[in-house]
Amino acid sequence: MNKNVFGDKLITCSNNPLTGYFRNGCCDTDDTDLGLHTVCIIATKEFLEFSKQVGNDLSTPLPQFGFDGVQDGDRWCVCALRWKEAFENNCAPTVVLEATNEKTLDLIRIEDLISHAYRV
């Protein structure tokens, strides 16, 4: 069972749109997930544009694959290194820590994630 960055049960990131490497709504991972899709974000226009500029267009729909595109405000599991790259370029989106996989901590400092944590 995958755990979140606090070592607790990983909660769902989003079922609408359905996200995750396994398209199960969670930022679950295993050894086949080479991109490490483990950071649950709340997408922003700024981040989506940044991601598109660096080669990963998340916002353009691809209906042939059943993908409607990620929109501003959507929750989505992104690759840990993409989030880190956005962080280093001052455009990292908010992170839902309880839905962010603990494997993320292999690549990103907890302090950096906390500095962008979603707060209710």
Protein backbone atom coordinates (compact mmCIF):
# COMPACT_ATOMS: atom_id res chain seq x y z
CA MET A 1 0.00 0.00 0.00
CA ASN A 2 1.33 3.42 -0.97
CA LYS A 3 1.66 6.04 1.75
CA ASN A 4 1.68 9.83 1.68
CA VAL A 5 4.57 12.12 2.63
CA PHE A 6 3.59 11.87 6.29
CA GLY A 7 3.67 8.05 6.24
CA ASP A 8 -0.13 7.82 6.43
CA LYS A 9 -2.57 6.23 4.00
CA LEU A 10 -2.44 7.95 0.61
CA ILE A 11 -5.76 9.69 -0.07
CA THR A 12 -7.37 10.20 -3.46
CA CYS A 13 -6.02 13.09 -5.50
CA SER A 14 -8.83 13.28 -8.08
CA ASN A 15 -11.51 11.16 -9.68
CA ASN A 16 -12.72 14.02 -11.89
CA PRO A 17 -10.55 14.25 -13.87
CA LEU A 18 -9.38 10.72 -13.19
CA THR A 19 -5.69 10.98 -12.45
CA GLY A 20 -2.73 8.87 -11.44
CA TYR A 21 -0.26 6.66 -13.23
CA PHE A 22 -2.74 3.80 -12.84
CA ARG A 23 -5.78 6.08 -13.48
CA ASN A 24 -7.19 5.09 -10.11
CA GLY A 25 -7.47 8.62 -8.72
CA CYS A 26 -4.39 8.27 -6.52
CA CYS A 27 -0.74 9.16 -6.95
CA ASP A 28 0.21 5.50 -6.56
CA THR A 29 3.46 4.30 -8.09
CA ASP A 30 5.56 1.22 -8.66
CA ASP A 31 8.74 0.31 -10.51
CA THR A 32 7.02 0.66 -13.92
CA ASP A 33 6.27 4.36 -13.28
CA LEU A 34 9.47 5.80 -14.69
CA GLY A 35 8.11 9.37 -14.47
CA LEU A 36 7.24 9.00 -10.78
CA HIS A 37 3.73 10.53 -11.05
CA THR A 38 3.54 11.08 -7.31
CA VAL A 39 2.83 14.76 -6.58
CA CYS A 40 -0.84 15.71 -6.21
CA ILE A 41 -1.18 19.29 -7.39
CA ILE A 42 -3.93 21.82 -7.85
CA ALA A 43 -3.20 22.99 -11.38
CA THR A 44 -2.71 26.65 -12.19
CA LYS A 45 -2.64 28.36 -15.57
CA GLU A 46 0.95 29.36 -14.87
CA PHE A 47 2.05 25.79 -14.16
CA LEU A 48 0.16 24.35 -17.14
CA GLU A 49 1.82 26.88 -19.46
CA PHE A 50 5.25 26.15 -17.93
CA SER A 51 4.74 22.40 -18.34
CA LYS A 52 3.70 22.89 -21.98
CA GLN A 53 6.76 25.05 -22.65
CA VAL A 54 9.11 22.39 -21.30
CA GLY A 55 7.55 19.60 -23.32
CA ASN A 56 4.62 18.17 -21.37
CA ASP A 57 1.32 19.63 -22.57
CA LEU A 58 -1.22 18.65 -19.93
CA SER A 59 -3.94 21.09 -20.95
CA THR A 60 -4.68 20.11 -24.56
CA PRO A 61 -7.45 17.50 -24.81
CA LEU A 62 -6.63 14.22 -26.54
CA PRO A 63 -10.08 12.67 -27.08
CA GLN A 64 -8.62 9.66 -28.89
CA PHE A 65 -7.07 8.69 -25.55
CA GLY A 66 -10.05 9.74 -23.42
CA PHE A 67 -8.09 12.71 -22.06
CA ASP A 68 -10.00 15.97 -21.64
CA GLY A 69 -6.95 18.01 -20.63
CA VAL A 70 -6.06 19.37 -17.22
CA GLN A 71 -7.60 22.75 -16.42
CA ASP A 72 -6.84 25.49 -13.92
CA GLY A 73 -8.10 24.28 -10.53
CA ASP A 74 -8.01 20.55 -11.37
CA ARG A 75 -6.16 18.18 -9.08
CA TRP A 76 -3.65 16.02 -10.95
CA CYS A 77 -0.76 13.65 -10.21
CA VAL A 78 2.35 15.09 -11.81
CA CYS A 79 5.88 13.77 -12.14
CA ALA A 80 8.01 14.66 -9.15
CA LEU A 81 10.82 16.05 -11.30
CA ARG A 82 8.37 18.25 -13.26
CA TRP A 83 7.09 19.74 -10.00
CA LYS A 84 10.67 20.25 -8.81
CA GLU A 85 11.55 21.95 -12.11
CA ALA A 86 8.54 24.25 -11.74
CA PHE A 87 9.55 24.96 -8.13
CA GLU A 88 13.05 25.92 -9.25
CA ASN A 89 11.46 28.25 -11.83
CA ASN A 90 9.08 29.89 -9.33
CA CYS A 91 5.89 28.49 -10.84
CA ALA A 92 5.21 25.40 -8.75
CA PRO A 93 1.53 24.73 -8.10
CA THR A 94 -0.04 24.03 -4.74
CA VAL A 95 0.44 20.49 -3.41
CA VAL A 96 -2.10 18.31 -1.60
CA LEU A 97 0.31 16.66 0.85
CA GLU A 98 -2.07 13.95 2.07
CA ALA A 99 -2.46 12.79 -1.55
CA THR A 100 1.24 13.10 -2.46
CA ASN A 101 3.12 9.81 -2.44
CA GLU A 102 6.00 9.37 0.02
CA LYS A 103 8.24 8.28 -2.91
CA THR A 104 8.29 11.97 -3.85
CA LEU A 105 10.64 12.53 -0.92
CA ASP A 106 13.34 10.61 -2.81
CA LEU A 107 13.55 13.64 -5.13
CA ILE A 108 12.02 16.64 -3.35
CA ARG A 109 12.62 18.02 0.12
CA ILE A 110 9.59 17.91 2.41
CA GLU A 111 10.21 21.58 3.27
CA ASP A 112 9.75 22.55 -0.39
CA LEU A 113 6.49 20.64 -0.60
CA ILE A 114 5.24 22.13 2.66
CA SER A 115 6.01 25.63 1.40
CA HIS A 116 3.47 24.97 -1.40
CA ALA A 117 0.96 22.98 0.65
CA TYR A 118 -2.76 23.31 0.10
CA ARG A 119 -4.35 24.76 3.19
CA VAL A 120 -8.06 24.57 3.90
